[in-house]
Amino acid sequence: MVFLDLHDCEFKLPRNFNGFGCLTDLILENISISDDDFSSVVSKCPLLKRLIFMVFYGCCHLKLNAPRLQELVVEGVFDDIHLEKYSRVGHLVRRFGRR
């Protein structure tokens, strides 16, 4: 799987989640997700190039470890965003901003 688009759901990772090794595009819209699950799913997608994260609940500290990320769109209310490992974010959009 290289493309995952999830809408209108509660997102909880299983304890033994190993990631999506081939995923390049991830779209999460109108979902409930914890800070830890968000950080984990992003960091366990080593080929992730495009992340769209819009209208989310339960997550306010966005921690990203995505060295291949080229496009990041965040639309929602959050406290902070931290890009740990990245080298190529060419397109960054942040809408609605912080709490």
N, C-alpha and C. Protein backbone atom coordinates (compact mmCIF):
# COMPACT_ATOMS: atom_id res chain seq x y z
N MET A 1 0.85 -1.17 0.00
CA MET A 1 0.00 0.00 0.00
C MET A 1 0.90 1.24 0.00
N VAL A 2 0.64 2.15 -0.93
CA VAL A 2 1.43 3.38 -1.00
C VAL A 2 0.60 4.63 -0.67
N PHE A 3 -0.73 4.49 -0.63
CA PHE A 3 -1.62 5.63 -0.41
C PHE A 3 -2.68 5.23 0.61
N LEU A 4 -2.85 6.04 1.66
CA LEU A 4 -3.88 5.77 2.67
C LEU A 4 -4.63 7.06 2.94
N ASP A 5 -5.95 7.02 2.83
CA ASP A 5 -6.82 8.17 3.01
C ASP A 5 -7.92 7.78 4.00
N LEU A 6 -7.86 8.31 5.23
CA LEU A 6 -8.84 7.99 6.27
C LEU A 6 -9.63 9.23 6.64
N HIS A 7 -10.96 9.07 6.74
CA HIS A 7 -11.85 10.17 7.08
C HIS A 7 -12.84 9.72 8.15
N ASP A 8 -13.23 10.66 9.00
CA ASP A 8 -14.35 10.46 9.93
C ASP A 8 -14.24 9.19 10.76
N CYS A 9 -13.14 9.08 11.52
CA CYS A 9 -12.96 7.88 12.32
C CYS A 9 -12.12 8.17 13.56
N GLU A 10 -12.08 7.18 14.45
CA GLU A 10 -11.17 7.21 15.59
C GLU A 10 -9.99 6.32 15.23
N PHE A 11 -8.79 6.86 15.35
CA PHE A 11 -7.59 6.16 14.91
C PHE A 11 -6.80 5.71 16.13
N LYS A 12 -6.71 4.40 16.34
CA LYS A 12 -5.92 3.84 17.44
C LYS A 12 -5.04 2.73 16.88
N LEU A 13 -3.75 2.84 17.16
CA LEU A 13 -2.82 1.83 16.67
C LEU A 13 -2.76 0.64 17.62
N PRO A 14 -2.61 -0.56 17.07
CA PRO A 14 -2.41 -1.73 17.93
C PRO A 14 -1.02 -1.66 18.57
N ARG A 15 -0.83 -2.34 19.67
CA ARG A 15 0.46 -2.31 20.38
C ARG A 15 1.61 -2.80 19.51
N ASN A 16 1.34 -3.76 18.65
CA ASN A 16 2.40 -4.35 17.83
C ASN A 16 2.48 -3.73 16.43
N PHE A 17 2.07 -2.48 16.28
CA PHE A 17 2.09 -1.80 14.98
C PHE A 17 3.53 -1.66 14.49
N ASN A 18 3.78 -2.20 13.29
CA ASN A 18 5.13 -2.15 12.70
C ASN A 18 5.27 -1.09 11.63
N GLY A 19 4.20 -0.42 11.30
CA GLY A 19 4.27 0.65 10.32
C GLY A 19 3.80 0.23 8.95
N PHE A 20 3.86 1.19 8.05
CA PHE A 20 3.52 0.98 6.64
C PHE A 20 4.79 1.24 5.85
N GLY A 21 5.54 0.20 5.58
CA GLY A 21 6.86 0.32 4.98
C GLY A 21 6.91 0.94 3.60
N CYS A 22 5.81 0.87 2.85
CA CYS A 22 5.79 1.39 1.47
C CYS A 22 4.94 2.65 1.30
N LEU A 23 4.32 3.12 2.37
CA LEU A 23 3.39 4.25 2.28
C LEU A 23 4.12 5.54 1.92
N THR A 24 3.64 6.24 0.89
CA THR A 24 4.23 7.52 0.48
C THR A 24 3.27 8.68 0.71
N ASP A 25 1.96 8.42 0.73
CA ASP A 25 0.96 9.47 0.89
C ASP A 25 -0.02 9.09 1.99
N LEU A 26 -0.20 9.99 2.97
CA LEU A 26 -1.11 9.74 4.08
C LEU A 26 -2.01 10.95 4.25
N ILE A 27 -3.32 10.71 4.19
CA ILE A 27 -4.31 11.76 4.40
C ILE A 27 -5.18 11.33 5.58
N LEU A 28 -5.21 12.16 6.61
CA LEU A 28 -6.04 11.93 7.79
C LEU A 28 -6.94 13.15 7.95
N GLU A 29 -8.25 12.94 7.84
CA GLU A 29 -9.17 14.07 7.89
C GLU A 29 -10.36 13.76 8.79
N ASN A 30 -10.64 14.71 9.68
CA ASN A 30 -11.75 14.60 10.62
C ASN A 30 -11.64 13.31 11.44
N ILE A 31 -10.51 13.18 12.14
CA ILE A 31 -10.27 11.98 12.93
C ILE A 31 -9.91 12.34 14.37
N SER A 32 -10.10 11.38 15.24
CA SER A 32 -9.65 11.47 16.62
C SER A 32 -8.40 10.60 16.74
N ILE A 33 -7.30 11.20 17.22
CA ILE A 33 -6.03 10.48 17.32
C ILE A 33 -5.22 11.08 18.46
N SER A 34 -4.50 10.25 19.20
CA SER A 34 -3.67 10.76 20.30
C SER A 34 -2.34 11.28 19.75
N ASP A 35 -1.66 12.08 20.55
CA ASP A 35 -0.33 12.57 20.17
C ASP A 35 0.61 11.40 19.88
N ASP A 36 0.61 10.39 20.75
CA ASP A 36 1.51 9.24 20.58
C ASP A 36 1.22 8.45 19.31
N ASP A 37 -0.07 8.21 19.03
CA ASP A 37 -0.42 7.46 17.82
C ASP A 37 -0.07 8.23 16.55
N PHE A 38 -0.28 9.55 16.57
CA PHE A 38 0.08 10.36 15.41
C PHE A 38 1.59 10.29 15.16
N SER A 39 2.37 10.51 16.21
CA SER A 39 3.82 10.46 16.08
C SER A 39 4.29 9.09 15.62
N SER A 40 3.70 8.05 16.16
CA SER A 40 4.10 6.68 15.82
C SER A 40 3.78 6.33 14.37
N VAL A 41 2.58 6.65 13.92
CA VAL A 41 2.22 6.29 12.54
C VAL A 41 3.10 7.03 11.54
N VAL A 42 3.41 8.29 11.80
CA VAL A 42 4.26 9.05 10.88
C VAL A 42 5.69 8.51 10.88
N SER A 43 6.23 8.25 12.06
CA SER A 43 7.62 7.79 12.14
C SER A 43 7.81 6.38 11.60
N LYS A 44 6.73 5.60 11.54
CA LYS A 44 6.84 4.22 11.04
C LYS A 44 6.42 4.10 9.58
N CYS A 45 6.48 5.21 8.88
CA CYS A 45 6.27 5.24 7.42
C CYS A 45 7.54 5.84 6.81
N PRO A 46 8.59 5.05 6.66
CA PRO A 46 9.90 5.59 6.27
C PRO A 46 9.95 6.24 4.89
N LEU A 47 8.99 5.93 4.01
CA LEU A 47 8.99 6.51 2.66
C LEU A 47 7.99 7.65 2.50
N LEU A 48 7.38 8.09 3.60
CA LEU A 48 6.33 9.11 3.54
C LEU A 48 6.84 10.40 2.91
N LYS A 49 6.16 10.83 1.84
CA LYS A 49 6.51 12.07 1.13
C LYS A 49 5.46 13.15 1.30
N ARG A 50 4.21 12.74 1.51
CA ARG A 50 3.10 13.70 1.56
C ARG A 50 2.20 13.37 2.74
N LEU A 51 1.98 14.36 3.61
CA LEU A 51 1.11 14.19 4.77
C LEU A 51 0.10 15.33 4.80
N ILE A 52 -1.17 14.96 4.80
CA ILE A 52 -2.25 15.93 4.93
C ILE A 52 -3.02 15.55 6.19
N PHE A 53 -3.07 16.46 7.14
CA PHE A 53 -3.68 16.21 8.45
C PHE A 53 -4.65 17.35 8.72
N MET A 54 -5.95 17.08 8.56
CA MET A 54 -6.95 18.14 8.63
C MET A 54 -8.09 17.78 9.57
N VAL A 55 -8.49 18.76 10.36
CA VAL A 55 -9.62 18.65 11.27
C VAL A 55 -9.46 17.40 12.15
N PHE A 56 -8.71 17.56 13.24
CA PHE A 56 -8.38 16.44 14.09
C PHE A 56 -8.69 16.76 15.55
N TYR A 57 -8.84 15.72 16.35
CA TYR A 57 -9.20 15.85 17.76
C TYR A 57 -8.29 14.96 18.60
N GLY A 58 -7.93 15.40 19.79
CA GLY A 58 -7.14 14.59 20.71
C GLY A 58 -5.64 14.72 20.53
N CYS A 59 -5.21 15.43 19.53
CA CYS A 59 -3.79 15.58 19.23
C CYS A 59 -3.47 17.07 19.22
N CYS A 60 -2.56 17.50 20.10
CA CYS A 60 -2.24 18.93 20.14
C CYS A 60 -0.75 19.21 20.05
N HIS A 61 0.09 18.18 20.18
CA HIS A 61 1.54 18.34 20.05
C HIS A 61 1.98 17.48 18.87
N LEU A 62 2.14 18.08 17.72
CA LEU A 62 2.45 17.34 16.50
C LEU A 62 3.95 17.12 16.40
N LYS A 63 4.36 15.87 16.55
CA LYS A 63 5.78 15.52 16.46
C LYS A 63 5.96 14.66 15.21
N LEU A 64 6.80 15.16 14.29
CA LEU A 64 7.00 14.47 13.02
C LEU A 64 8.44 14.02 12.87
N ASN A 65 8.61 12.76 12.57
CA ASN A 65 9.91 12.20 12.23
C ASN A 65 9.73 11.57 10.86
N ALA A 66 9.94 12.36 9.82
CA ALA A 66 9.68 11.93 8.45
C ALA A 66 10.76 12.51 7.53
N PRO A 67 11.90 11.83 7.44
CA PRO A 67 13.03 12.40 6.70
C PRO A 67 12.79 12.62 5.21
N ARG A 68 11.84 11.93 4.60
CA ARG A 68 11.59 12.08 3.16
C ARG A 68 10.41 13.00 2.85
N LEU A 69 9.81 13.59 3.88
CA LEU A 69 8.62 14.41 3.70
C LEU A 69 8.88 15.59 2.78
N GLN A 70 8.03 15.75 1.76
CA GLN A 70 8.14 16.85 0.81
C GLN A 70 6.98 17.81 0.91
N GLU A 71 5.82 17.31 1.33
CA GLU A 71 4.64 18.17 1.42
C GLU A 71 3.92 17.89 2.73
N LEU A 72 3.64 18.95 3.47
CA LEU A 72 2.94 18.85 4.75
C LEU A 72 1.84 19.89 4.78
N VAL A 73 0.60 19.42 4.99
CA VAL A 73 -0.55 20.31 5.14
C VAL A 73 -1.18 19.98 6.48
N VAL A 74 -1.27 20.96 7.37
CA VAL A 74 -1.90 20.79 8.67
C VAL A 74 -2.99 21.84 8.79
N GLU A 75 -4.21 21.39 9.00
CA GLU A 75 -5.34 22.30 9.15
C GLU A 75 -6.10 21.89 10.40
N GLY A 76 -6.01 22.69 11.44
CA GLY A 76 -6.68 22.37 12.69
C GLY A 76 -6.10 23.19 13.82
N VAL A 77 -6.50 22.87 15.03
CA VAL A 77 -6.05 23.59 16.21
C VAL A 77 -5.06 22.71 16.97
N PHE A 78 -3.87 23.25 17.24
CA PHE A 78 -2.84 22.50 17.94
C PHE A 78 -1.95 23.47 18.71
N ASP A 79 -1.19 22.93 19.67
CA ASP A 79 -0.31 23.76 20.48
C ASP A 79 1.03 24.00 19.81
N ASP A 80 1.63 22.94 19.26
CA ASP A 80 2.93 23.11 18.62
C ASP A 80 3.18 22.00 17.61
N ILE A 81 4.17 22.25 16.78
CA ILE A 81 4.58 21.28 15.77
C ILE A 81 6.10 21.19 15.81
N HIS A 82 6.60 19.96 15.80
CA HIS A 82 8.04 19.74 15.89
C HIS A 82 8.46 18.78 14.78
N LEU A 83 9.29 19.25 13.87
CA LEU A 83 9.81 18.41 12.79
C LEU A 83 11.17 17.89 13.22
N GLU A 84 11.24 16.61 13.60
CA GLU A 84 12.48 16.04 14.12
C GLU A 84 13.51 15.79 13.03
N LYS A 85 13.14 15.00 12.05
CA LYS A 85 14.07 14.66 10.97
C LYS A 85 13.36 14.91 9.66
N TYR A 86 13.82 15.89 8.96
CA TYR A 86 13.27 16.16 7.64
C TYR A 86 14.35 16.86 6.85
N SER A 87 14.28 16.71 5.55
CA SER A 87 15.30 17.37 4.75
C SER A 87 14.72 18.08 3.53
N ARG A 88 13.50 17.72 3.15
CA ARG A 88 13.01 18.20 1.87
C ARG A 88 11.62 18.80 1.90
N VAL A 89 11.14 19.28 3.01
CA VAL A 89 9.79 19.82 3.01
C VAL A 89 9.78 21.03 2.10
N GLY A 90 9.21 20.85 0.92
CA GLY A 90 9.17 21.92 -0.06
C GLY A 90 7.89 22.72 0.02
N HIS A 91 6.84 22.11 0.56
CA HIS A 91 5.54 22.77 0.60
C HIS A 91 4.94 22.54 1.98
N LEU A 92 4.82 23.60 2.75
CA LEU A 92 4.26 23.51 4.09
C LEU A 92 3.09 24.48 4.19
N VAL A 93 1.94 23.96 4.56
CA VAL A 93 0.75 24.78 4.74
C VAL A 93 0.24 24.55 6.15
N ARG A 94 0.01 25.62 6.88
CA ARG A 94 -0.56 25.51 8.22
C ARG A 94 -1.74 26.46 8.28
N ARG A 95 -2.91 25.91 8.56
CA ARG A 95 -4.11 26.73 8.63
C ARG A 95 -4.72 26.61 10.02
N PHE A 96 -5.38 27.64 10.45
CA PHE A 96 -6.07 27.74 11.73
C PHE A 96 -5.12 27.85 12.91
N GLY A 97 -3.94 27.30 12.83
CA GLY A 97 -2.90 27.56 13.81
C GLY A 97 -3.05 26.95 15.17
N ARG A 98 -2.64 27.73 16.15
CA ARG A 98 -2.47 27.23 17.50
C ARG A 98 -3.64 27.54 18.39
N ARG A 99 -3.65 26.87 19.54
CA ARG A 99 -4.68 27.11 20.55
C ARG A 99 -4.45 28.44 21.21
